[in-house]
PDB file of all heavy atoms in Angstrom:
ATOM      1  N   LYS A   1     122.627 106.481  95.532  1.00  0.00           N
ATOM      2  CA  LYS A   1     121.301 106.380  94.938  1.00  0.00           C
ATOM      3  C   LYS A   1     120.708 107.757  94.702  1.00  0.00           C
ATOM      4  O   LYS A   1     121.108 108.744  95.318  1.00  0.00           O
ATOM      5  CB  LYS A   1     120.362 105.583  95.848  1.00  0.00           C
ATOM      6  CG  LYS A   1     120.844 104.189  96.189  1.00  0.00           C
ATOM      7  CD  LYS A   1     120.837 103.285  94.981  1.00  0.00           C
ATOM      8  CE  LYS A   1     121.199 101.861  95.373  1.00  0.00           C
ATOM      9  NZ  LYS A   1     121.178 100.956  94.208  1.00  0.00           N
ATOM     10  N   GLU A   2     119.753 107.808  93.789  1.00  0.00           N
ATOM     11  CA  GLU A   2     119.023 109.042  93.565  1.00  0.00           C
ATOM     12  C   GLU A   2     118.056 109.292  94.703  1.00  0.00           C
ATOM     13  O   GLU A   2     117.634 108.369  95.410  1.00  0.00           O
ATOM     14  CB  GLU A   2     118.256 108.983  92.246  1.00  0.00           C
ATOM     15  CG  GLU A   2     119.133 108.950  91.017  1.00  0.00           C
ATOM     16  CD  GLU A   2     118.339 109.025  89.738  1.00  0.00           C
ATOM     17  OE1 GLU A   2     117.100 108.863  89.790  1.00  0.00           O
ATOM     18  OE2 GLU A   2     118.934 109.256  88.685  1.00  0.00           O
ATOM     19  N   ARG A   3     117.709 110.540  94.861  1.00  0.00           N
ATOM     20  CA  ARG A   3     116.710 110.876  95.857  1.00  0.00           C
ATOM     21  C   ARG A   3     115.384 110.227  95.474  1.00  0.00           C
ATOM     22  O   ARG A   3     114.940 110.302  94.325  1.00  0.00           O
ATOM     23  CB  ARG A   3     116.566 112.388  95.969  1.00  0.00           C
ATOM     24  CG  ARG A   3     115.719 112.833  97.150  1.00  0.00           C
ATOM     25  CD  ARG A   3     115.885 114.328  97.410  1.00  0.00           C
ATOM     26  NE  ARG A   3     117.256 114.651  97.784  1.00  0.00           N
ATOM     27  CZ  ARG A   3     117.643 115.858  98.186  1.00  0.00           C
ATOM     28  NH1 ARG A   3     116.764 116.850  98.266  1.00  0.00           N
ATOM     29  NH2 ARG A   3     118.907 116.072  98.500  1.00  0.00           N
ATOM     30  N   GLU A   4     114.760 109.604  96.439  1.00  0.00           N
ATOM     31  CA  GLU A   4     113.596 108.767  96.218  1.00  0.00           C
ATOM     32  C   GLU A   4     112.381 109.319  96.956  1.00  0.00           C
ATOM     33  O   GLU A   4     112.465 109.675  98.135  1.00  0.00           O
ATOM     34  CB  GLU A   4     113.897 107.350  96.710  1.00  0.00           C
ATOM     35  CG  GLU A   4     112.741 106.377  96.668  1.00  0.00           C
ATOM     36  CD  GLU A   4     113.060 105.076  97.376  1.00  0.00           C
ATOM     37  OE1 GLU A   4     113.941 105.068  98.249  1.00  0.00           O
ATOM     38  OE2 GLU A   4     112.422 104.053  97.040  1.00  0.00           O
ATOM     39  N   PHE A   5     111.274 109.366  96.270  1.00  0.00           N
ATOM     40  CA  PHE A   5     110.021 109.765  96.892  1.00  0.00           C
ATOM     41  C   PHE A   5     109.605 108.755  97.946  1.00  0.00           C
ATOM     42  O   PHE A   5     109.667 107.546  97.725  1.00  0.00           O
ATOM     43  CB  PHE A   5     108.927 109.877  95.826  1.00  0.00           C
ATOM     44  CG  PHE A   5     107.549 110.027  96.387  1.00  0.00           C
ATOM     45  CD1 PHE A   5     107.111 111.239  96.888  1.00  0.00           C
ATOM     46  CD2 PHE A   5     106.682 108.945  96.415  1.00  0.00           C
ATOM     47  CE1 PHE A   5     105.842 111.380  97.405  1.00  0.00           C
ATOM     48  CE2 PHE A   5     105.405 109.074  96.931  1.00  0.00           C
ATOM     49  CZ  PHE A   5     104.986 110.300  97.431  1.00  0.00           C
ATOM     50  N   VAL A   6     109.161 109.257  99.080  1.00  0.00           N
ATOM     51  CA  VAL A   6     108.681 108.408 100.158  1.00  0.00           C
ATOM     52  C   VAL A   6     107.190 108.613 100.390  1.00  0.00           C
ATOM     53  O   VAL A   6     106.412 107.660 100.374  1.00  0.00           O
ATOM     54  CB  VAL A   6     109.454 108.670 101.462  1.00  0.00           C
ATOM     55  CG1 VAL A   6     108.843 107.861 102.608  1.00  0.00           C
ATOM     56  CG2 VAL A   6     110.923 108.330 101.288  1.00  0.00           C
ATOM     57  N   SER A   7     106.795 109.856 100.602  1.00  0.00           N
ATOM     58  CA  SER A   7     105.403 110.129 100.936  1.00  0.00           C
ATOM     59  C   SER A   7     105.105 111.603 100.730  1.00  0.00           C
ATOM     60  O   SER A   7     105.996 112.449 100.777  1.00  0.00           O
ATOM     61  CB  SER A   7     105.122 109.742 102.392  1.00  0.00           C
ATOM     62  OG  SER A   7     103.754 109.887 102.704  1.00  0.00           O
ATOM     63  N   THR A   8     103.836 111.904 100.515  1.00  0.00           N
ATOM     64  CA  THR A   8     103.396 113.288 100.397  1.00  0.00           C
ATOM     65  C   THR A   8     102.037 113.442 101.042  1.00  0.00           C
ATOM     66  O   THR A   8     101.264 112.479 101.133  1.00  0.00           O
ATOM     67  CB  THR A   8     103.355 113.740  98.922  1.00  0.00           C
ATOM     68  OG1 THR A   8     103.016 115.128  98.843  1.00  0.00           O
ATOM     69  CG2 THR A   8     102.338 112.938  98.122  1.00  0.00           C
ATOM     70  N   ILE A   9     101.755 114.651 101.466  1.00  0.00           N
ATOM     71  CA  ILE A   9     100.465 114.966 102.063  1.00  0.00           C
ATOM     72  C   ILE A   9     100.013 116.316 101.530  1.00  0.00           C
ATOM     73  O   ILE A   9     100.774 117.280 101.521  1.00  0.00           O
ATOM     74  CB  ILE A   9     100.538 114.938 103.608  1.00  0.00           C
ATOM     75  CG1 ILE A   9      99.164 115.196 104.221  1.00  0.00           C
ATOM     76  CG2 ILE A   9     101.577 115.918 104.136  1.00  0.00           C
ATOM     77  CD1 ILE A   9      99.107 114.841 105.708  1.00  0.00           C
ATOM     78  N   SER A  10      98.785 116.371 101.061  1.00  0.00           N
ATOM     79  CA  SER A  10      98.252 117.597 100.493  1.00  0.00           C
ATOM     80  C   SER A  10      97.806 118.550 101.588  1.00  0.00           C
ATOM     81  O   SER A  10      97.807 118.226 102.777  1.00  0.00           O
ATOM     82  CB  SER A  10      97.079 117.280  99.569  1.00  0.00           C
ATOM     83  OG  SER A  10      95.909 116.994 100.314  1.00  0.00           O
ATOM     84  N   TRP A  11      97.382 119.714 101.157  1.00  0.00           N
ATOM     85  CA  TRP A  11      96.915 120.703 102.126  1.00  0.00           C
ATOM     86  C   TRP A  11      95.638 120.259 102.825  1.00  0.00           C
ATOM     87  O   TRP A  11      95.316 120.764 103.900  1.00  0.00           O
ATOM     88  CB  TRP A  11      96.709 122.065 101.453  1.00  0.00           C
ATOM     89  CG  TRP A  11      95.518 122.168 100.553  1.00  0.00           C
ATOM     90  CD1 TRP A  11      95.191 121.369  99.496  1.00  0.00           C
ATOM     91  CD2 TRP A  11      94.492 123.167 100.646  1.00  0.00           C
ATOM     92  NE1 TRP A  11      94.022 121.809  98.920  1.00  0.00           N
ATOM     93  CE2 TRP A  11      93.578 122.908  99.606  1.00  0.00           C
ATOM     94  CE3 TRP A  11      94.253 124.240 101.499  1.00  0.00           C
ATOM     95  CZ2 TRP A  11      92.450 123.682  99.396  1.00  0.00           C
ATOM     96  CZ3 TRP A  11      93.130 125.027 101.291  1.00  0.00           C
ATOM     97  CH2 TRP A  11      92.251 124.751 100.254  1.00  0.00           C
ATOM     98  N   LYS A  12      94.907 119.332 102.219  1.00  0.00           N
ATOM     99  CA  LYS A  12      93.714 118.769 102.832  1.00  0.00           C
ATOM    100  C   LYS A  12      93.985 117.403 103.453  1.00  0.00           C
ATOM    101  O   LYS A  12      93.057 116.670 103.771  1.00  0.00           O
ATOM    102  CB  LYS A  12      92.593 118.669 101.804  1.00  0.00           C
ATOM    103  CG  LYS A  12      92.100 120.024 101.326  1.00  0.00           C
ATOM    104  CD  LYS A  12      90.901 119.884 100.413  1.00  0.00           C
ATOM    105  CE  LYS A  12      90.360 121.246 100.016  1.00  0.00           C
ATOM    106  NZ  LYS A  12      89.163 121.124  99.138  1.00  0.00           N
ATOM    107  N   SER A  13      95.236 117.071 103.595  1.00  0.00           N
ATOM    108  CA  SER A  13      95.689 115.853 104.270  1.00  0.00           C
ATOM    109  C   SER A  13      95.409 114.575 103.501  1.00  0.00           C
ATOM    110  O   SER A  13      95.360 113.492 104.105  1.00  0.00           O
ATOM    111  CB  SER A  13      95.107 115.776 105.686  1.00  0.00           C
ATOM    112  OG  SER A  13      95.598 116.831 106.485  1.00  0.00           O
ATOM    113  N   SER A  14      95.241 114.675 102.186  1.00  0.00           N
ATOM    114  CA  SER A  14      95.281 113.468 101.373  1.00  0.00           C
ATOM    115  C   SER A  14      96.720 112.970 101.332  1.00  0.00           C
ATOM    116  O   SER A  14      97.656 113.769 101.256  1.00  0.00           O
ATOM    117  CB  SER A  14      94.793 113.755  99.961  1.00  0.00           C
ATOM    118  OG  SER A  14      93.437 114.156  99.969  1.00  0.00           O
ATOM    119  N   THR A  15      96.885 111.675 101.371  1.00  0.00           N
ATOM    120  CA  THR A  15      98.235 111.112 101.465  1.00  0.00           C
ATOM    121  C   THR A  15      98.520 110.139 100.344  1.00  0.00           C
ATOM    122  O   THR A  15      97.609 109.538  99.761  1.00  0.00           O
ATOM    123  CB  THR A  15      98.439 110.411 102.815  1.00  0.00           C
ATOM    124  OG1 THR A  15      97.482 109.353 102.953  1.00  0.00           O
ATOM    125  CG2 THR A  15      98.277 111.393 103.962  1.00  0.00           C
ATOM    126  N   TYR A  16      99.802 109.974 100.072  1.00  0.00           N
ATOM    127  CA  TYR A  16     100.260 109.035  99.075  1.00  0.00           C
ATOM    128  C   TYR A  16     101.622 108.510  99.507  1.00  0.00           C
ATOM    129  O   TYR A  16     102.442 109.258 100.034  1.00  0.00           O
ATOM    130  CB  TYR A  16     100.373 109.696  97.702  1.00  0.00           C
ATOM    131  CG  TYR A  16     100.768 108.741  96.603  1.00  0.00           C
ATOM    132  CD1 TYR A  16      99.813 107.961  95.965  1.00  0.00           C
ATOM    133  CD2 TYR A  16     102.091 108.617  96.210  1.00  0.00           C
ATOM    134  CE1 TYR A  16     100.170 107.084  94.959  1.00  0.00           C
ATOM    135  CE2 TYR A  16     102.456 107.741  95.216  1.00  0.00           C
ATOM    136  CZ  TYR A  16     101.488 106.976  94.590  1.00  0.00           C
ATOM    137  OH  TYR A  16     101.851 106.102  93.594  1.00  0.00           O
ATOM    138  N   TYR A  17     101.859 107.221  99.254  1.00  0.00           N
ATOM    139  CA  TYR A  17     103.085 106.582  99.693  1.00  0.00           C
ATOM    140  C   TYR A  17     103.740 105.808  98.566  1.00  0.00           C
ATOM    141  O   TYR A  17     103.061 105.220  97.721  1.00  0.00           O
ATOM    142  CB  TYR A  17     102.803 105.607 100.839  1.00  0.00           C
ATOM    143  CG  TYR A  17     102.198 106.254 102.047  1.00  0.00           C
ATOM    144  CD1 TYR A  17     100.817 106.341 102.193  1.00  0.00           C
ATOM    145  CD2 TYR A  17     103.002 106.784 103.047  1.00  0.00           C
ATOM    146  CE1 TYR A  17     100.257 106.946 103.299  1.00  0.00           C
ATOM    147  CE2 TYR A  17     102.446 107.388 104.155  1.00  0.00           C
ATOM    148  CZ  TYR A  17     101.072 107.465 104.277  1.00  0.00           C
ATOM    149  OH  TYR A  17     100.525 108.069 105.380  1.00  0.00           O
ATOM    150  N   ALA A  18     105.042 105.787  98.594  1.00  0.00           N
ATOM    151  CA  ALA A  18     105.758 104.875  97.732  1.00  0.00           C
ATOM    152  C   ALA A  18     105.407 103.441  98.108  1.00  0.00           C
ATOM    153  O   ALA A  18     105.169 103.135  99.285  1.00  0.00           O
ATOM    154  CB  ALA A  18     107.267 105.093  97.861  1.00  0.00           C
ATOM    155  N   GLU A  19     105.387 102.572  97.123  1.00  0.00           N
ATOM    156  CA  GLU A  19     105.033 101.182  97.385  1.00  0.00           C
ATOM    157  C   GLU A  19     105.974 100.536  98.402  1.00  0.00           C
ATOM    158  O   GLU A  19     105.541  99.677  99.179  1.00  0.00           O
ATOM    159  CB  GLU A  19     105.042 100.382  96.088  1.00  0.00           C
ATOM    160  CG  GLU A  19     103.883 100.697  95.154  1.00  0.00           C
ATOM    161  CD  GLU A  19     102.538 100.325  95.743  1.00  0.00           C
ATOM    162  OE1 GLU A  19     102.456  99.284  96.439  1.00  0.00           O
ATOM    163  OE2 GLU A  19     101.562 101.056  95.510  1.00  0.00           O
ATOM    164  N   SER A  20     107.197 100.965  98.421  1.00  0.00           N
ATOM    165  CA  SER A  20     108.177 100.356  99.305  1.00  0.00           C
ATOM    166  C   SER A  20     107.912 100.626 100.783  1.00  0.00           C
ATOM    167  O   SER A  20     108.425  99.902 101.640  1.00  0.00           O
ATOM    168  CB  SER A  20     109.585 100.837  98.947  1.00  0.00           C
ATOM    169  OG  SER A  20     109.675 102.247  99.061  1.00  0.00           O
ATOM    170  N   VAL A  21     107.127 101.662 101.081  1.00  0.00           N
ATOM    171  CA  VAL A  21     106.866 102.007 102.472  1.00  0.00           C
ATOM    172  C   VAL A  21     105.397 101.907 102.843  1.00  0.00           C
ATOM    173  O   VAL A  21     105.050 102.053 104.028  1.00  0.00           O
ATOM    174  CB  VAL A  21     107.385 103.419 102.816  1.00  0.00           C
ATOM    175  CG1 VAL A  21     108.852 103.558 102.440  1.00  0.00           C
ATOM    176  CG2 VAL A  21     106.553 104.497 102.129  1.00  0.00           C
ATOM    177  N   LYS A  22     104.548 101.658 101.886  1.00  0.00           N
ATOM    178  CA  LYS A  22     103.118 101.608 102.136  1.00  0.00           C
ATOM    179  C   LYS A  22     102.791 100.550 103.194  1.00  0.00           C
ATOM    180  O   LYS A  22     103.278  99.422 103.126  1.00  0.00           O
ATOM    181  CB  LYS A  22     102.367 101.318 100.840  1.00  0.00           C
ATOM    182  CG  LYS A  22     100.860 101.460 100.934  1.00  0.00           C
ATOM    183  CD  LYS A  22     100.201 101.234  99.579  1.00  0.00           C
ATOM    184  CE  LYS A  22     100.630 102.271  98.563  1.00  0.00           C
ATOM    185  NZ  LYS A  22      99.948 102.083  97.255  1.00  0.00           N
ATOM    186  N   GLY A  23     101.976 100.941 104.145  1.00  0.00           N
ATOM    187  CA  GLY A  23     101.614 100.053 105.223  1.00  0.00           C
ATOM    188  C   GLY A  23     102.539 100.108 106.408  1.00  0.00           C
ATOM    189  O   GLY A  23     102.199  99.585 107.478  1.00  0.00           O
ATOM    190  N   ARG A  24     103.705 100.718 106.239  1.00  0.00           N
ATOM    191  CA  ARG A  24     104.673 100.830 107.318  1.00  0.00           C
ATOM    192  C   ARG A  24     104.888 102.267 107.771  1.00  0.00           C
ATOM    193  O   ARG A  24     105.167 102.504 108.945  1.00  0.00           O
ATOM    194  CB  ARG A  24     106.014 100.238 106.896  1.00  0.00           C
ATOM    195  CG  ARG A  24     105.933  98.764 106.508  1.00  0.00           C
ATOM    196  CD  ARG A  24     107.324  98.180 106.256  1.00  0.00           C
ATOM    197  NE  ARG A  24     107.993  98.829 105.140  1.00  0.00           N
ATOM    198  CZ  ARG A  24     109.131  99.521 105.244  1.00  0.00           C
ATOM    199  NH1 ARG A  24     109.740  99.644 106.416  1.00  0.00           N
ATOM    200  NH2 ARG A  24     109.679 100.067 104.166  1.00  0.00           N
ATOM    201  N   PHE A  25     104.784 103.210 106.855  1.00  0.00           N
ATOM    202  CA  PHE A  25     105.014 104.617 107.162  1.00  0.00           C
ATOM    203  C   PHE A  25     103.695 105.366 107.122  1.00  0.00           C
ATOM    204  O   PHE A  25     102.802 105.044 106.331  1.00  0.00           O
ATOM    205  CB  PHE A  25     105.954 105.262 106.147  1.00  0.00           C
ATOM    206  CG  PHE A  25     107.383 104.799 106.199  1.00  0.00           C
ATOM    207  CD1 PHE A  25     107.780 103.710 106.951  1.00  0.00           C
ATOM    208  CD2 PHE A  25     108.340 105.485 105.468  1.00  0.00           C
ATOM    209  CE1 PHE A  25     109.100 103.297 106.986  1.00  0.00           C
ATOM    210  CE2 PHE A  25     109.664 105.089 105.493  1.00  0.00           C
ATOM    211  CZ  PHE A  25     110.050 103.993 106.251  1.00  0.00           C
ATOM    212  N   THR A  26     103.582 106.384 107.937  1.00  0.00           N
ATOM    213  CA  THR A  26     102.413 107.248 107.952  1.00  0.00           C
ATOM    214  C   THR A  26     102.854 108.700 107.982  1.00  0.00           C
ATOM    215  O   THR A  26     103.613 109.101 108.866  1.00  0.00           O
ATOM    216  CB  THR A  26     101.517 106.966 109.164  1.00  0.00           C
ATOM    217  OG1 THR A  26     101.090 105.592 109.151  1.00  0.00           O
ATOM    218  CG2 THR A  26     100.275 107.858 109.125  1.00  0.00           C
ATOM    219  N   ILE A  27     102.373 109.474 107.029  1.00  0.00           N
ATOM    220  CA  ILE A  27     102.652 110.896 107.003  1.00  0.00           C
ATOM    221  C   ILE A  27     101.456 111.642 107.586  1.00  0.00           C
ATOM    222  O   ILE A  27     100.306 111.240 107.398  1.00  0.00           O
ATOM    223  CB  ILE A  27     102.970 111.382 105.570  1.00  0.00           C
ATOM    224  CG1 ILE A  27     103.503 112.818 105.581  1.00  0.00           C
ATOM    225  CG2 ILE A  27     101.761 111.248 104.656  1.00  0.00           C
ATOM    226  CD1 ILE A  27     104.048 113.274 104.229  1.00  0.00           C
ATOM    227  N   SER A  28     101.734 112.708 108.288  1.00  0.00           N
ATOM    228  CA  SER A  28     100.674 113.531 108.843  1.00  0.00           C
ATOM    229  C   SER A  28     101.174 114.962 108.951  1.00  0.00           C
ATOM    230  O   SER A  28     102.373 115.222 108.837  1.00  0.00           O
ATOM    231  CB  SER A  28     100.210 113.011 110.206  1.00  0.00           C
ATOM    232  OG  SER A  28     101.263 113.035 111.148  1.00  0.00           O
ATOM    233  N   ARG A  29     100.259 115.867 109.158  1.00  0.00           N
ATOM    234  CA  ARG A  29     100.658 117.258 109.322  1.00  0.00           C
ATOM    235  C   ARG A  29      99.822 117.916 110.399  1.00  0.00           C
ATOM    236  O   ARG A  29      98.651 117.576 110.601  1.00  0.00           O
ATOM    237  CB  ARG A  29     100.556 118.040 108.005  1.00  0.00           C
ATOM    238  CG  ARG A  29      99.143 118.220 107.464  1.00  0.00           C
ATOM    239  CD  ARG A  29      99.168 118.732 106.023  1.00  0.00           C
ATOM    240  NE  ARG A  29      99.788 120.045 105.916  1.00  0.00           N
ATOM    241  CZ  ARG A  29     100.244 120.568 104.784  1.00  0.00           C
ATOM    242  NH1 ARG A  29     100.177 119.875 103.653  1.00  0.00           N
ATOM    243  NH2 ARG A  29     100.780 121.782 104.781  1.00  0.00           N
ATOM    244  N   ASP A  30     100.426 118.842 111.086  1.00  0.00           N
ATOM    245  CA  ASP A  30      99.764 119.647 112.088  1.00  0.00           C
ATOM    246  C   ASP A  30      99.964 121.092 111.662  1.00  0.00           C
ATOM    247  O   ASP A  30     101.018 121.680 111.901  1.00  0.00           O
ATOM    248  CB  ASP A  30     100.351 119.386 113.473  1.00  0.00           C
ATOM    249  CG  ASP A  30      99.601 120.104 114.572  1.00  0.00           C
ATOM    250  OD1 ASP A  30      98.898 121.095 114.292  1.00  0.00           O
ATOM    251  OD2 ASP A  30      99.716 119.687 115.737  1.00  0.00           O
ATOM    252  N   ASN A  31      98.960 121.645 111.017  1.00  0.00           N
ATOM    253  CA  ASN A  31      99.094 122.989 110.473  1.00  0.00           C
ATOM    254  C   ASN A  31      99.244 124.047 111.560  1.00  0.00           C
ATOM    255  O   ASN A  31      99.886 125.075 111.338  1.00  0.00           O
ATOM    256  CB  ASN A  31      97.903 123.314 109.578  1.00  0.00           C
ATOM    257  CG  ASN A  31      97.918 122.532 108.287  1.00  0.00           C
ATOM    258  OD1 ASN A  31      98.956 122.053 107.850  1.00  0.00           O
ATOM    259  ND2 ASN A  31      96.755 122.393 107.665  1.00  0.00           N
ATOM    260  N   ALA A  32      98.660 123.797 112.721  1.00  0.00           N
ATOM    261  CA  ALA A  32      98.794 124.742 113.820  1.00  0.00           C
ATOM    262  C   ALA A  32     100.237 124.850 114.287  1.00  0.00           C
ATOM    263  O   ALA A  32     100.645 125.884 114.819  1.00  0.00           O
ATOM    264  CB  ALA A  32      97.894 124.345 114.980  1.00  0.00           C
TER     265      ALA A  32
END
């Protein structure tokens, strides 16, 4: 399969998810 987008998080922690994982996956970041 081709590489598939799962999730992204902006520098201000806005998030976006592929429909296939929405509600099941959570992306987060710890800049420190």
